[in-house]
Amino acid sequence: STADRPQRISREDGTHAATFAKSGAFYLDAFSDPHTPPQVSLRKPDGS
């Protein structure tokens, strides 16, 4: 139903790589941009 309307959940502009828990309850977000060294955070499915 949202095939042409994807909802972006990652927050910061730049490069993200996500690893989701099997349950879908959370995911790992590996993020960087040109002036931010690679960071890894635990995120809710809405990106918070």
All heavy atoms as atom14 arrays in JSON, in Angstrom:
{
  "sequence": "STADRPQRISREDGTHAATFAKSGAFYLDAFSDPHTPPQVSLRKPDGS",
  "atom14_mask": [
    [1, 1, 1, 1, 1, 1, 0, 0, 0, 0, 0, 0, 0, 0],
    [1, 1, 1, 1, 1, 1, 1, 0, 0, 0, 0, 0, 0, 0],
    [1, 1, 1, 1, 1, 0, 0, 0, 0, 0, 0, 0, 0, 0],
    [1, 1, 1, 1, 1, 1, 1, 1, 0, 0, 0, 0, 0, 0],
    [1, 1, 1, 1, 1, 1, 1, 1, 1, 1, 1, 0, 0, 0],
    [1, 1, 1, 1, 1, 1, 1, 0, 0, 0, 0, 0, 0, 0],
    [1, 1, 1, 1, 1, 1, 1, 1, 1, 0, 0, 0, 0, 0],
    [1, 1, 1, 1, 1, 1, 1, 1, 1, 1, 1, 0, 0, 0],
    [1, 1, 1, 1, 1, 1, 1, 1, 0, 0, 0, 0, 0, 0],
    [1, 1, 1, 1, 1, 1, 0, 0, 0, 0, 0, 0, 0, 0],
    [1, 1, 1, 1, 1, 1, 1, 1, 1, 1, 1, 0, 0, 0],
    [1, 1, 1, 1, 1, 1, 1, 1, 1, 0, 0, 0, 0, 0],
    [1, 1, 1, 1, 1, 1, 1, 1, 0, 0, 0, 0, 0, 0],
    [1, 1, 1, 1, 0, 0, 0, 0, 0, 0, 0, 0, 0, 0],
    [1, 1, 1, 1, 1, 1, 1, 0, 0, 0, 0, 0, 0, 0],
    [1, 1, 1, 1, 1, 1, 1, 1, 1, 1, 0, 0, 0, 0],
    [1, 1, 1, 1, 1, 0, 0, 0, 0, 0, 0, 0, 0, 0],
    [1, 1, 1, 1, 1, 0, 0, 0, 0, 0, 0, 0, 0, 0],
    [1, 1, 1, 1, 1, 1, 1, 0, 0, 0, 0, 0, 0, 0],
    [1, 1, 1, 1, 1, 1, 1, 1, 1, 1, 1, 0, 0, 0],
    [1, 1, 1, 1, 1, 0, 0, 0, 0, 0, 0, 0, 0, 0],
    [1, 1, 1, 1, 1, 1, 1, 1, 1, 0, 0, 0, 0, 0],
    [1, 1, 1, 1, 1, 1, 0, 0, 0, 0, 0, 0, 0, 0],
    [1, 1, 1, 1, 0, 0, 0, 0, 0, 0, 0, 0, 0, 0],
    [1, 1, 1, 1, 1, 0, 0, 0, 0, 0, 0, 0, 0, 0],
    [1, 1, 1, 1, 1, 1, 1, 1, 1, 1, 1, 0, 0, 0],
    [1, 1, 1, 1, 1, 1, 1, 1, 1, 1, 1, 1, 0, 0],
    [1, 1, 1, 1, 1, 1, 1, 1, 0, 0, 0, 0, 0, 0],
    [1, 1, 1, 1, 1, 1, 1, 1, 0, 0, 0, 0, 0, 0],
    [1, 1, 1, 1, 1, 0, 0, 0, 0, 0, 0, 0, 0, 0],
    [1, 1, 1, 1, 1, 1, 1, 1, 1, 1, 1, 0, 0, 0],
    [1, 1, 1, 1, 1, 1, 0, 0, 0, 0, 0, 0, 0, 0],
    [1, 1, 1, 1, 1, 1, 1, 1, 0, 0, 0, 0, 0, 0],
    [1, 1, 1, 1, 1, 1, 1, 0, 0, 0, 0, 0, 0, 0],
    [1, 1, 1, 1, 1, 1, 1, 1, 1, 1, 0, 0, 0, 0],
    [1, 1, 1, 1, 1, 1, 1, 0, 0, 0, 0, 0, 0, 0],
    [1, 1, 1, 1, 1, 1, 1, 0, 0, 0, 0, 0, 0, 0],
    [1, 1, 1, 1, 1, 1, 1, 0, 0, 0, 0, 0, 0, 0],
    [1, 1, 1, 1, 1, 1, 1, 1, 1, 0, 0, 0, 0, 0],
    [1, 1, 1, 1, 1, 1, 1, 0, 0, 0, 0, 0, 0, 0],
    [1, 1, 1, 1, 1, 1, 0, 0, 0, 0, 0, 0, 0, 0],
    [1, 1, 1, 1, 1, 1, 1, 1, 0, 0, 0, 0, 0, 0],
    [1, 1, 1, 1, 1, 1, 1, 1, 1, 1, 1, 0, 0, 0],
    [1, 1, 1, 1, 1, 1, 1, 1, 1, 0, 0, 0, 0, 0],
    [1, 1, 1, 1, 1, 1, 1, 0, 0, 0, 0, 0, 0, 0],
    [1, 1, 1, 1, 1, 1, 1, 1, 0, 0, 0, 0, 0, 0],
    [1, 1, 1, 1, 0, 0, 0, 0, 0, 0, 0, 0, 0, 0],
    [1, 1, 1, 1, 1, 1, 0, 0, 0, 0, 0, 0, 0, 0]
  ],
  "atom14_positions": [
    [[0.8, -1.22, 0.0], [0.0, 0.0, 0.0], [0.84, 1.27, 0.0], [0.32, 2.35, -0.29], [-0.96, 0.0, 1.2], [-0.24, -0.06, 2.42], [0.0, 0.0, 0.0], [0.0, 0.0, 0.0], [0.0, 0.0, 0.0], [0.0, 0.0, 0.0], [0.0, 0.0, 0.0], [0.0, 0.0, 0.0], [0.0, 0.0, 0.0], [0.0, 0.0, 0.0]],
    [[2.13, 1.18, 0.35], [3.0, 2.36, 0.34], [4.14, 2.2, -0.66], [5.2, 2.78, -0.5], [3.58, 2.62, 1.74], [4.36, 1.47, 2.15], [2.47, 2.86, 2.76], [0.0, 0.0, 0.0], [0.0, 0.0, 0.0], [0.0, 0.0, 0.0], [0.0, 0.0, 0.0], [0.0, 0.0, 0.0], [0.0, 0.0, 0.0], [0.0, 0.0, 0.0]],
    [[3.92, 1.41, -1.72], [5.0, 1.06, -2.64], [5.7, 2.28, -3.22], [6.92, 2.25, -3.44], [4.45, 0.18, -3.77], [0.0, 0.0, 0.0], [0.0, 0.0, 0.0], [0.0, 0.0, 0.0], [0.0, 0.0, 0.0], [0.0, 0.0, 0.0], [0.0, 0.0, 0.0], [0.0, 0.0, 0.0], [0.0, 0.0, 0.0], [0.0, 0.0, 0.0]],
    [[4.97, 3.34, -3.5], [5.58, 4.54, -4.05], [5.71, 5.65, -3.01], [6.02, 6.78, -3.35], [4.78, 5.04, -5.25], [3.31, 5.28, -4.92], [2.9, 5.01, -3.77], [2.57, 5.72, -5.83], [0.0, 0.0, 0.0], [0.0, 0.0, 0.0], [0.0, 0.0, 0.0], [0.0, 0.0, 0.0], [0.0, 0.0, 0.0], [0.0, 0.0, 0.0]],
    [[5.5, 5.32, -1.73], [5.6, 6.32, -0.66], [6.38, 5.75, 0.52], [5.86, 5.62, 1.64], [4.21, 6.76, -0.2], [3.33, 7.33, -1.3], [2.04, 7.91, -0.75], [1.36, 6.98, 0.17], [0.6, 5.97, -0.22], [0.43, 5.72, -1.51], [0.01, 5.18, 0.67], [0.0, 0.0, 0.0], [0.0, 0.0, 0.0], [0.0, 0.0, 0.0]],
    [[7.65, 5.38, 0.34], [8.42, 4.84, 1.46], [8.61, 5.88, 2.55], [8.75, 7.08, 2.26], [9.75, 4.45, 0.82], [9.87, 5.37, -0.36], [8.47, 5.55, -0.87], [0.0, 0.0, 0.0], [0.0, 0.0, 0.0], [0.0, 0.0, 0.0], [0.0, 0.0, 0.0], [0.0, 0.0, 0.0], [0.0, 0.0, 0.0], [0.0, 0.0, 0.0]],
    [[8.6, 5.43, 3.79], [8.8, 6.34, 4.92], [10.25, 6.25, 5.38], [10.71, 5.19, 5.79], [7.88, 5.98, 6.08], [8.1, 6.85, 7.32], [7.32, 6.37, 8.52], [6.58, 5.39, 8.43], [7.48, 7.04, 9.65], [0.0, 0.0, 0.0], [0.0, 0.0, 0.0], [0.0, 0.0, 0.0], [0.0, 0.0, 0.0], [0.0, 0.0, 0.0]],
    [[10.96, 7.35, 5.29], [12.35, 7.36, 5.76], [12.36, 7.33, 7.29], [11.73, 8.16, 7.94], [13.07, 8.59, 5.23], [14.49, 8.73, 5.76], [15.21, 9.88, 5.11], [16.26, 10.42, 5.95], [17.04, 11.45, 5.64], [16.88, 12.05, 4.46], [17.95, 11.89, 6.47], [0.0, 0.0, 0.0], [0.0, 0.0, 0.0], [0.0, 0.0, 0.0]],
    [[13.12, 6.37, 7.85], [13.22, 6.28, 9.31], [14.58, 6.73, 9.82], [14.7, 7.12, 10.98], [12.9, 4.86, 9.81], [13.93, 3.85, 9.32], [11.5, 4.45, 9.42], [13.81, 2.5, 9.99], [0.0, 0.0, 0.0], [0.0, 0.0, 0.0], [0.0, 0.0, 0.0], [0.0, 0.0, 0.0], [0.0, 0.0, 0.0], [0.0, 0.0, 0.0]],
    [[15.62, 6.67, 9.01], [16.93, 7.17, 9.44], [16.87, 8.69, 9.51], [16.23, 9.33, 8.69], [18.04, 6.69, 8.5], [17.68, 6.89, 7.15], [0.0, 0.0, 0.0], [0.0, 0.0, 0.0], [0.0, 0.0, 0.0], [0.0, 0.0, 0.0], [0.0, 0.0, 0.0], [0.0, 0.0, 0.0], [0.0, 0.0, 0.0], [0.0, 0.0, 0.0]],
    [[17.53, 9.24, 10.49], [17.33, 10.66, 10.8], [18.34, 11.59, 10.1], [17.98, 12.58, 9.49], [17.4, 10.87, 12.32], [16.38, 10.04, 13.11], [14.95, 10.45, 12.8], [13.95, 9.66, 13.5], [13.42, 9.97, 14.68], [13.84, 11.04, 15.34], [12.5, 9.2, 15.22], [0.0, 0.0, 0.0], [0.0, 0.0, 0.0], [0.0, 0.0, 0.0]],
    [[19.63, 11.29, 10.25], [20.66, 12.21, 9.8], [20.95, 12.04, 8.31], [20.93, 10.94, 7.79], [21.96, 11.99, 10.59], [21.81, 12.08, 12.1], [21.38, 10.77, 12.73], [21.11, 9.8, 11.99], [21.3, 10.72, 13.97], [0.0, 0.0, 0.0], [0.0, 0.0, 0.0], [0.0, 0.0, 0.0], [0.0, 0.0, 0.0], [0.0, 0.0, 0.0]],
    [[21.24, 13.15, 7.62], [21.72, 13.08, 6.24], [23.11, 12.45, 6.24], [23.94, 12.76, 7.1], [21.78, 14.46, 5.62], [20.4, 15.06, 5.38], [19.43, 14.3, 5.34], [20.32, 16.29, 5.22], [0.0, 0.0, 0.0], [0.0, 0.0, 0.0], [0.0, 0.0, 0.0], [0.0, 0.0, 0.0], [0.0, 0.0, 0.0], [0.0, 0.0, 0.0]],
    [[23.37, 11.58, 5.29], [24.65, 10.91, 5.23], [24.47, 9.45, 4.85], [23.6, 9.11, 4.04], [0.0, 0.0, 0.0], [0.0, 0.0, 0.0], [0.0, 0.0, 0.0], [0.0, 0.0, 0.0], [0.0, 0.0, 0.0], [0.0, 0.0, 0.0], [0.0, 0.0, 0.0], [0.0, 0.0, 0.0], [0.0, 0.0, 0.0], [0.0, 0.0, 0.0]],
    [[25.27, 8.59, 5.43], [25.3, 7.17, 5.06], [24.94, 6.31, 6.26], [25.61, 6.36, 7.29], [26.69, 6.79, 4.53], [26.96, 7.55, 3.35], [26.75, 5.31, 4.19], [0.0, 0.0, 0.0], [0.0, 0.0, 0.0], [0.0, 0.0, 0.0], [0.0, 0.0, 0.0], [0.0, 0.0, 0.0], [0.0, 0.0, 0.0], [0.0, 0.0, 0.0]],
    [[23.89, 5.52, 6.11], [23.41, 4.62, 7.16], [23.47, 3.18, 6.67], [23.22, 2.9, 5.49], [21.96, 4.93, 7.54], [21.74, 6.27, 8.14], [21.63, 6.48, 9.5], [21.61, 7.5, 7.57], [21.43, 7.77, 9.74], [21.43, 8.41, 8.58], [0.0, 0.0, 0.0], [0.0, 0.0, 0.0], [0.0, 0.0, 0.0], [0.0, 0.0, 0.0]],
    [[23.75, 2.26, 7.59], [23.62, 0.82, 7.33], [22.89, 0.22, 8.52], [23.28, 0.44, 9.67], [24.98, 0.17, 7.15], [0.0, 0.0, 0.0], [0.0, 0.0, 0.0], [0.0, 0.0, 0.0], [0.0, 0.0, 0.0], [0.0, 0.0, 0.0], [0.0, 0.0, 0.0], [0.0, 0.0, 0.0], [0.0, 0.0, 0.0], [0.0, 0.0, 0.0]],
    [[21.81, -0.52, 8.26], [20.95, -1.02, 9.32], [21.05, -2.54, 9.43], [21.1, -3.25, 8.43], [19.5, -0.63, 9.05], [0.0, 0.0, 0.0], [0.0, 0.0, 0.0], [0.0, 0.0, 0.0], [0.0, 0.0, 0.0], [0.0, 0.0, 0.0], [0.0, 0.0, 0.0], [0.0, 0.0, 0.0], [0.0, 0.0, 0.0], [0.0, 0.0, 0.0]],
    [[21.07, -3.02, 10.68], [20.98, -4.45, 10.99], [19.8, -4.62, 11.94], [19.82, -4.12, 13.07], [22.26, -4.96, 11.67], [23.38, -4.7, 10.82], [22.16, -6.46, 11.95], [0.0, 0.0, 0.0], [0.0, 0.0, 0.0], [0.0, 0.0, 0.0], [0.0, 0.0, 0.0], [0.0, 0.0, 0.0], [0.0, 0.0, 0.0], [0.0, 0.0, 0.0]],
    [[18.76, -5.31, 11.49], [17.53, -5.43, 12.26], [17.53, -6.7, 13.11], [18.01, -7.76, 12.68], [16.31, -5.44, 11.34], [15.85, -4.07, 10.95], [16.49, -3.38, 9.93], [14.8, -3.46, 11.6], [16.08, -2.11, 9.57], [14.38, -2.18, 11.25], [15.03, -1.5, 10.23], [0.0, 0.0, 0.0], [0.0, 0.0, 0.0], [0.0, 0.0, 0.0]],
    [[16.99, -6.58, 14.33], [16.75, -7.75, 15.16], [15.7, -8.62, 14.49], [14.83, -8.13, 13.76], [16.28, -7.33, 16.55], [0.0, 0.0, 0.0], [0.0, 0.0, 0.0], [0.0, 0.0, 0.0], [0.0, 0.0, 0.0], [0.0, 0.0, 0.0], [0.0, 0.0, 0.0], [0.0, 0.0, 0.0], [0.0, 0.0, 0.0], [0.0, 0.0, 0.0]],
    [[15.79, -9.93, 14.75], [14.85, -10.86, 14.13], [13.41, -10.5, 14.46], [12.51, -10.63, 13.62], [15.16, -12.29, 14.57], [14.35, -13.35, 13.87], [14.77, -14.74, 14.28], [13.96, -15.8, 13.55], [14.35, -17.18, 13.95], [0.0, 0.0, 0.0], [0.0, 0.0, 0.0], [0.0, 0.0, 0.0], [0.0, 0.0, 0.0], [0.0, 0.0, 0.0]],
    [[13.18, -10.0, 15.67], [11.82, -9.64, 16.1], [11.33, -8.36, 15.46], [10.12, -8.07, 15.47], [11.78, -9.49, 17.62], [12.57, -8.37, 18.02], [0.0, 0.0, 0.0], [0.0, 0.0, 0.0], [0.0, 0.0, 0.0], [0.0, 0.0, 0.0], [0.0, 0.0, 0.0], [0.0, 0.0, 0.0], [0.0, 0.0, 0.0], [0.0, 0.0, 0.0]],
    [[12.25, -7.54, 14.94], [11.89, -6.24, 14.4], [11.71, -5.17, 15.45], [11.34, -4.04, 15.15], [0.0, 0.0, 0.0], [0.0, 0.0, 0.0], [0.0, 0.0, 0.0], [0.0, 0.0, 0.0], [0.0, 0.0, 0.0], [0.0, 0.0, 0.0], [0.0, 0.0, 0.0], [0.0, 0.0, 0.0], [0.0, 0.0, 0.0], [0.0, 0.0, 0.0]],
    [[12.03, -5.5, 16.72], [11.8, -4.55, 17.82], [12.81, -3.41, 17.83], [12.53, -2.34, 18.37], [11.83, -5.29, 19.15], [0.0, 0.0, 0.0], [0.0, 0.0, 0.0], [0.0, 0.0, 0.0], [0.0, 0.0, 0.0], [0.0, 0.0, 0.0], [0.0, 0.0, 0.0], [0.0, 0.0, 0.0], [0.0, 0.0, 0.0], [0.0, 0.0, 0.0]],
    [[13.96, -3.61, 17.25], [14.98, -2.56, 17.19], [15.95, -2.9, 16.07], [15.91, -3.98, 15.48], [15.72, -2.42, 18.53], [16.49, -3.64, 18.95], [17.8, -3.83, 18.55], [15.91, -4.61, 19.77], [18.52, -4.96, 18.93], [16.61, -5.73, 20.17], [17.93, -5.91, 19.75], [0.0, 0.0, 0.0], [0.0, 0.0, 0.0], [0.0, 0.0, 0.0]],
    [[16.83, -1.93, 15.79], [17.86, -2.18, 14.79], [19.13, -1.42, 15.16], [19.11, -0.48, 15.97], [17.4, -1.81, 13.38], [17.28, -0.33, 13.08], [18.32, 0.36, 12.44], [16.12, 0.39, 13.39], [18.21, 1.71, 12.13], [16.0, 1.73, 13.08], [17.04, 2.39, 12.45], [16.93, 3.73, 12.15], [0.0, 0.0, 0.0], [0.0, 0.0, 0.0]],
    [[20.24, -1.88, 14.61], [21.51, -1.19, 14.74], [21.68, -0.25, 13.57], [21.46, -0.62, 12.41], [22.67, -2.19, 14.75], [22.78, -3.11, 15.94], [23.83, -4.18, 15.67], [23.13, -2.34, 17.19], [0.0, 0.0, 0.0], [0.0, 0.0, 0.0], [0.0, 0.0, 0.0], [0.0, 0.0, 0.0], [0.0, 0.0, 0.0], [0.0, 0.0, 0.0]],
    [[22.07, 0.98, 13.87], [22.29, 1.98, 12.82], [23.76, 2.37, 12.83], [24.25, 2.94, 13.8], [21.41, 3.2, 13.09], [21.59, 4.29, 12.04], [21.96, 3.94, 10.9], [21.35, 5.47, 12.35], [0.0, 0.0, 0.0], [0.0, 0.0, 0.0], [0.0, 0.0, 0.0], [0.0, 0.0, 0.0], [0.0, 0.0, 0.0], [0.0, 0.0, 0.0]],
    [[24.48, 2.01, 11.77], [25.86, 2.45, 11.59], [25.83, 3.67, 10.68], [25.41, 3.58, 9.52], [26.7, 1.34, 10.99], [0.0, 0.0, 0.0], [0.0, 0.0, 0.0], [0.0, 0.0, 0.0], [0.0, 0.0, 0.0], [0.0, 0.0, 0.0], [0.0, 0.0, 0.0], [0.0, 0.0, 0.0], [0.0, 0.0, 0.0], [0.0, 0.0, 0.0]],
    [[26.26, 4.8, 11.18], [26.11, 6.08, 10.47], [27.42, 6.83, 10.4], [28.24, 6.8, 11.32], [25.07, 6.96, 11.18], [25.11, 8.4, 10.74], [24.59, 8.77, 9.51], [25.69, 9.37, 11.54], [24.64, 10.1, 9.09], [25.75, 10.7, 11.13], [25.22, 11.06, 9.9], [0.0, 0.0, 0.0], [0.0, 0.0, 0.0], [0.0, 0.0, 0.0]],
    [[27.61, 7.54, 9.29], [28.69, 8.53, 9.21], [28.31, 9.57, 8.17], [27.44, 9.35, 7.32], [30.02, 7.88, 8.84], [30.08, 7.57, 7.46], [0.0, 0.0, 0.0], [0.0, 0.0, 0.0], [0.0, 0.0, 0.0], [0.0, 0.0, 0.0], [0.0, 0.0, 0.0], [0.0, 0.0, 0.0], [0.0, 0.0, 0.0], [0.0, 0.0, 0.0]],
    [[28.98, 10.71, 8.25], [28.93, 11.71, 7.18], [30.34, 12.29, 7.07], [31.24, 11.86, 7.81], [27.84, 12.76, 7.43], [28.09, 13.63, 8.64], [29.25, 13.74, 9.09], [27.12, 14.2, 9.18], [0.0, 0.0, 0.0], [0.0, 0.0, 0.0], [0.0, 0.0, 0.0], [0.0, 0.0, 0.0], [0.0, 0.0, 0.0], [0.0, 0.0, 0.0]],
    [[30.6, 13.22, 6.17], [31.99, 13.65, 5.97], [32.69, 14.19, 7.21], [33.91, 14.12, 7.3], [31.86, 14.73, 4.89], [30.68, 14.31, 4.09], [29.71, 13.76, 5.11], [0.0, 0.0, 0.0], [0.0, 0.0, 0.0], [0.0, 0.0, 0.0], [0.0, 0.0, 0.0], [0.0, 0.0, 0.0], [0.0, 0.0, 0.0], [0.0, 0.0, 0.0]],
    [[31.94, 14.73, 8.17], [32.59, 15.25, 9.38], [32.18, 14.51, 10.64], [32.43, 14.98, 11.75], [32.32, 16.75, 9.53], [30.9, 17.14, 9.29], [29.89, 16.9, 10.18], [30.32, 17.74, 8.22], [28.75, 17.34, 9.69], [28.97, 17.85, 8.5], [0.0, 0.0, 0.0], [0.0, 0.0, 0.0], [0.0, 0.0, 0.0], [0.0, 0.0, 0.0]],
    [[31.55, 13.34, 10.5], [31.17, 12.51, 11.65], [31.77, 11.13, 11.47], [31.39, 10.4, 10.55], [29.64, 12.38, 11.77], [29.06, 13.68, 11.81], [29.27, 11.61, 13.03], [0.0, 0.0, 0.0], [0.0, 0.0, 0.0], [0.0, 0.0, 0.0], [0.0, 0.0, 0.0], [0.0, 0.0, 0.0], [0.0, 0.0, 0.0], [0.0, 0.0, 0.0]],
    [[32.72, 10.73, 12.33], [33.27, 9.38, 12.23], [32.18, 8.34, 12.44], [31.12, 8.64, 13.01], [34.3, 9.33, 13.37], [34.57, 10.74, 13.72], [33.32, 11.5, 13.43], [0.0, 0.0, 0.0], [0.0, 0.0, 0.0], [0.0, 0.0, 0.0], [0.0, 0.0, 0.0], [0.0, 0.0, 0.0], [0.0, 0.0, 0.0], [0.0, 0.0, 0.0]],
    [[32.4, 7.12, 11.98], [31.36, 6.09, 12.08], [30.85, 5.9, 13.5], [31.63, 5.7, 14.43], [32.08, 4.83, 11.58], [33.13, 5.34, 10.65], [33.6, 6.63, 11.26], [0.0, 0.0, 0.0], [0.0, 0.0, 0.0], [0.0, 0.0, 0.0], [0.0, 0.0, 0.0], [0.0, 0.0, 0.0], [0.0, 0.0, 0.0], [0.0, 0.0, 0.0]],
    [[29.53, 5.99, 13.65], [28.86, 5.81, 14.93], [27.88, 4.64, 14.82], [27.31, 4.41, 13.76], [28.07, 7.07, 15.31], [28.9, 8.33, 15.43], [28.03, 9.55, 15.74], [26.91, 9.66, 15.25], [28.56, 10.45, 16.54], [0.0, 0.0, 0.0], [0.0, 0.0, 0.0], [0.0, 0.0, 0.0], [0.0, 0.0, 0.0], [0.0, 0.0, 0.0]],
    [[27.68, 3.94, 15.93], [26.72, 2.84, 15.95], [25.77, 3.06, 17.11], [26.2, 3.26, 18.25], [27.42, 1.48, 16.09], [26.38, 0.36, 16.11], [28.4, 1.26, 14.96], [0.0, 0.0, 0.0], [0.0, 0.0, 0.0], [0.0, 0.0, 0.0], [0.0, 0.0, 0.0], [0.0, 0.0, 0.0], [0.0, 0.0, 0.0], [0.0, 0.0, 0.0]],
    [[24.48, 3.03, 16.81], [23.47, 3.24, 17.84], [22.38, 2.19, 17.73], [22.19, 1.57, 16.68], [22.85, 4.64, 17.74], [22.3, 4.84, 16.45], [0.0, 0.0, 0.0], [0.0, 0.0, 0.0], [0.0, 0.0, 0.0], [0.0, 0.0, 0.0], [0.0, 0.0, 0.0], [0.0, 0.0, 0.0], [0.0, 0.0, 0.0], [0.0, 0.0, 0.0]],
    [[21.68, 2.0, 18.83], [20.51, 1.12, 18.88], [19.29, 2.0, 18.65], [19.11, 3.02, 19.33], [20.45, 0.44, 20.25], [19.74, -0.9, 20.35], [20.43, -1.93, 19.5], [19.71, -1.35, 21.81], [0.0, 0.0, 0.0], [0.0, 0.0, 0.0], [0.0, 0.0, 0.0], [0.0, 0.0, 0.0], [0.0, 0.0, 0.0], [0.0, 0.0, 0.0]],
    [[18.43, 1.61, 17.72], [17.31, 2.46, 17.33], [15.99, 1.7, 17.38], [15.93, 0.49, 17.1], [17.52, 2.96, 15.9], [18.82, 3.74, 15.69], [18.63, 5.2, 15.87], [19.87, 5.94, 15.81], [19.95, 7.26, 15.61], [18.83, 7.96, 15.43], [21.11, 7.87, 15.61], [0.0, 0.0, 0.0], [0.0, 0.0, 0.0], [0.0, 0.0, 0.0]],
    [[14.93, 2.43, 17.68], [13.57, 1.9, 17.53], [13.23, 1.83, 16.04], [13.89, 2.49, 15.22], [12.56, 2.81, 18.24], [12.67, 2.83, 19.75], [11.6, 3.76, 20.33], [11.7, 3.83, 21.85], [10.69, 4.75, 22.41], [0.0, 0.0, 0.0], [0.0, 0.0, 0.0], [0.0, 0.0, 0.0], [0.0, 0.0, 0.0], [0.0, 0.0, 0.0]],
    [[12.2, 1.09, 15.67], [11.84, 1.0, 14.25], [11.46, 2.34, 13.62], [11.47, 2.46, 12.4], [10.65, 0.03, 14.25], [10.84, -0.8, 15.46], [11.43, 0.12, 16.48], [0.0, 0.0, 0.0], [0.0, 0.0, 0.0], [0.0, 0.0, 0.0], [0.0, 0.0, 0.0], [0.0, 0.0, 0.0], [0.0, 0.0, 0.0], [0.0, 0.0, 0.0]],
    [[11.13, 3.34, 14.44], [10.83, 4.65, 13.87], [12.08, 5.51, 13.71], [12.0, 6.67, 13.28], [9.79, 5.38, 14.73], [10.3, 5.7, 16.14], [11.47, 5.39, 16.47], [9.51, 6.28, 16.92], [0.0, 0.0, 0.0], [0.0, 0.0, 0.0], [0.0, 0.0, 0.0], [0.0, 0.0, 0.0], [0.0, 0.0, 0.0], [0.0, 0.0, 0.0]],
    [[13.25, 4.97, 14.07], [14.5, 5.68, 13.9], [14.97, 6.44, 15.12], [16.09, 6.96, 15.12], [0.0, 0.0, 0.0], [0.0, 0.0, 0.0], [0.0, 0.0, 0.0], [0.0, 0.0, 0.0], [0.0, 0.0, 0.0], [0.0, 0.0, 0.0], [0.0, 0.0, 0.0], [0.0, 0.0, 0.0], [0.0, 0.0, 0.0], [0.0, 0.0, 0.0]],
    [[14.16, 6.52, 16.17], [14.59, 7.22, 17.38], [15.63, 6.39, 18.12], [15.56, 5.16, 18.15], [13.4, 7.51, 18.29], [12.74, 6.32, 18.65], [0.0, 0.0, 0.0], [0.0, 0.0, 0.0], [0.0, 0.0, 0.0], [0.0, 0.0, 0.0], [0.0, 0.0, 0.0], [0.0, 0.0, 0.0], [0.0, 0.0, 0.0], [0.0, 0.0, 0.0]]
  ]
}
